[in-house]
């Protein structure tokens, strides 16, 4: 019984760690995408100016 609880707790911790990592990756991806879009807009504005 104790071993089962330990195993379940370890699995839960792993799942939490994976979820946290996934959230961090999503935030980084969103930031990178926003930065790329902003850069594209600036480049487009520069091209229109010329």
N, C-alpha and C. Protein backbone atom coordinates (compact mmCIF):
# COMPACT_ATOMS: atom_id res chain seq x y z
N UNK A 1 0.84 -1.19 0.00
CA UNK A 1 0.00 0.00 0.00
C UNK A 1 0.89 1.25 0.00
N UNK A 2 1.92 1.23 0.84
CA UNK A 2 2.80 2.39 0.92
C UNK A 2 3.55 2.59 -0.40
N UNK A 3 3.99 1.49 -0.99
CA UNK A 3 4.71 1.57 -2.26
C UNK A 3 3.81 2.13 -3.36
N UNK A 4 2.55 1.74 -3.34
CA UNK A 4 1.60 2.24 -4.34
C UNK A 4 1.41 3.75 -4.19
N UNK A 5 1.30 4.20 -2.94
CA UNK A 5 1.15 5.63 -2.69
C UNK A 5 2.38 6.41 -3.15
N UNK A 6 3.56 5.84 -2.87
CA UNK A 6 4.80 6.49 -3.27
C UNK A 6 4.87 6.59 -4.80
N UNK A 7 4.48 5.50 -5.46
CA UNK A 7 4.51 5.48 -6.92
C UNK A 7 3.52 6.50 -7.49
N UNK A 8 2.32 6.54 -6.93
CA UNK A 8 1.31 7.48 -7.40
C UNK A 8 1.78 8.92 -7.19
N UNK A 9 2.39 9.17 -6.05
CA UNK A 9 2.88 10.52 -5.75
C UNK A 9 4.00 10.92 -6.71
N UNK A 10 4.88 9.98 -7.01
CA UNK A 10 5.97 10.25 -7.95
C UNK A 10 5.41 10.54 -9.34
N UNK A 11 4.42 9.78 -9.74
CA UNK A 11 3.80 10.01 -11.05
C UNK A 11 3.12 11.38 -11.10
N UNK A 12 2.48 11.76 -10.00
CA UNK A 12 1.82 13.05 -9.94
C UNK A 12 2.84 14.19 -10.03
N UNK A 13 3.95 14.03 -9.32
CA UNK A 13 5.00 15.05 -9.38
C UNK A 13 5.56 15.17 -10.79
N UNK A 14 5.76 14.04 -11.45
CA UNK A 14 6.26 14.05 -12.82
C UNK A 14 5.27 14.75 -13.75
N UNK A 15 4.00 14.45 -13.59
CA UNK A 15 2.97 15.08 -14.42
C UNK A 15 2.96 16.59 -14.19
N UNK A 16 3.10 17.01 -12.92
CA UNK A 16 3.13 18.44 -12.62
C UNK A 16 4.34 19.10 -13.25
N UNK A 17 5.48 18.42 -13.18
CA UNK A 17 6.70 18.96 -13.78
C UNK A 17 6.55 19.11 -15.29
N UNK A 18 5.96 18.09 -15.92
CA UNK A 18 5.75 18.15 -17.36
C UNK A 18 4.79 19.27 -17.74
N UNK A 19 3.74 19.45 -16.94
CA UNK A 19 2.78 20.52 -17.22
C UNK A 19 3.43 21.89 -17.08
N UNK A 20 4.27 22.05 -16.07
CA UNK A 20 4.97 23.31 -15.87
C UNK A 20 5.89 23.59 -17.05
N UNK A 21 6.61 22.57 -17.47
CA UNK A 21 7.52 22.72 -18.61
C UNK A 21 6.74 23.09 -19.87
N UNK A 22 5.59 22.47 -20.05
CA UNK A 22 4.75 22.76 -21.23
C UNK A 22 4.28 24.21 -21.21
N UNK A 23 3.85 24.69 -20.03
CA UNK A 23 3.40 26.08 -19.91
C UNK A 23 4.54 27.05 -20.24
N UNK A 24 5.73 26.77 -19.69
CA UNK A 24 6.88 27.63 -19.96
C UNK A 24 7.20 27.65 -21.45
N UNK A 25 7.14 26.49 -22.09
CA UNK A 25 7.42 26.41 -23.53
C UNK A 25 6.38 27.20 -24.32
N UNK A 26 5.12 27.12 -23.91
CA UNK A 26 4.06 27.87 -24.60
C UNK A 26 4.30 29.37 -24.49
N UNK A 27 4.71 29.83 -23.31
CA UNK A 27 4.97 31.25 -23.11
C UNK A 27 6.14 31.69 -23.97
N UNK A 28 7.21 30.90 -23.97
CA UNK A 28 8.38 31.25 -24.79
C UNK A 28 8.01 31.28 -26.27
N UNK A 29 7.22 30.32 -26.70
CA UNK A 29 6.81 30.26 -28.10
C UNK A 29 5.97 31.49 -28.46
N UNK A 30 5.06 31.87 -27.59
CA UNK A 30 4.21 33.04 -27.84
C UNK A 30 5.05 34.31 -27.90
N UNK A 31 6.02 34.42 -26.99
CA UNK A 31 6.89 35.60 -27.00
C UNK A 31 7.71 35.67 -28.29
N UNK A 32 8.23 34.54 -28.71
CA UNK A 32 9.02 34.50 -29.94
C UNK A 32 8.16 34.87 -31.15
N UNK A 33 6.94 34.37 -31.18
CA UNK A 33 6.05 34.67 -32.29
C UNK A 33 5.71 36.16 -32.33
N UNK A 34 5.44 36.74 -31.16
CA UNK A 34 5.13 38.17 -31.09
C UNK A 34 6.32 39.00 -31.55
N UNK A 35 7.50 38.59 -31.14
CA UNK A 35 8.72 39.31 -31.54
C UNK A 35 8.92 39.24 -33.06
N UNK A 36 8.68 38.07 -33.63
CA UNK A 36 8.83 37.91 -35.08
C UNK A 36 7.82 38.77 -35.83
N UNK A 37 6.57 38.81 -35.35
CA UNK A 37 5.55 39.62 -36.00
C UNK A 37 5.90 41.10 -35.91
N UNK A 38 6.38 41.52 -34.75
CA UNK A 38 6.77 42.91 -34.57
C UNK A 38 7.92 43.27 -35.52
N UNK A 39 8.87 42.38 -35.65
CA UNK A 39 10.00 42.60 -36.56
C UNK A 39 9.51 42.69 -38.01
N UNK A 40 8.57 41.84 -38.37
CA UNK A 40 8.02 41.85 -39.73
C UNK A 40 7.31 43.17 -40.01
N UNK A 41 6.58 43.67 -39.03
CA UNK A 41 5.87 44.94 -39.21
C UNK A 41 6.87 46.06 -39.41
N UNK A 42 7.92 46.09 -38.57
CA UNK A 42 8.93 47.14 -38.71
C UNK A 42 9.61 47.07 -40.08
N UNK A 43 9.93 45.87 -40.50
CA UNK A 43 10.58 45.69 -41.80
C UNK A 43 9.66 46.15 -42.93
N UNK A 44 8.39 45.82 -42.82
CA UNK A 44 7.42 46.24 -43.83
C UNK A 44 7.29 47.76 -43.86
N UNK A 45 7.25 48.38 -42.70
CA UNK A 45 7.16 49.84 -42.64
C UNK A 45 8.39 50.48 -43.27
N UNK A 46 9.55 49.90 -43.00
CA UNK A 46 10.79 50.41 -43.59
C UNK A 46 10.76 50.28 -45.11
N UNK A 47 10.27 49.15 -45.59
CA UNK A 47 10.19 48.92 -47.03
C UNK A 47 9.21 49.91 -47.67
N UNK A 48 8.11 50.19 -47.00
CA UNK A 48 7.14 51.15 -47.53
C UNK A 48 7.73 52.55 -47.57
N UNK A 49 8.56 52.87 -46.62
CA UNK A 49 9.19 54.19 -46.55
C UNK A 49 10.12 54.42 -47.74
N UNK A 50 10.82 53.35 -48.12
CA UNK A 50 11.75 53.44 -49.25
C UNK A 50 10.93 53.46 -50.49
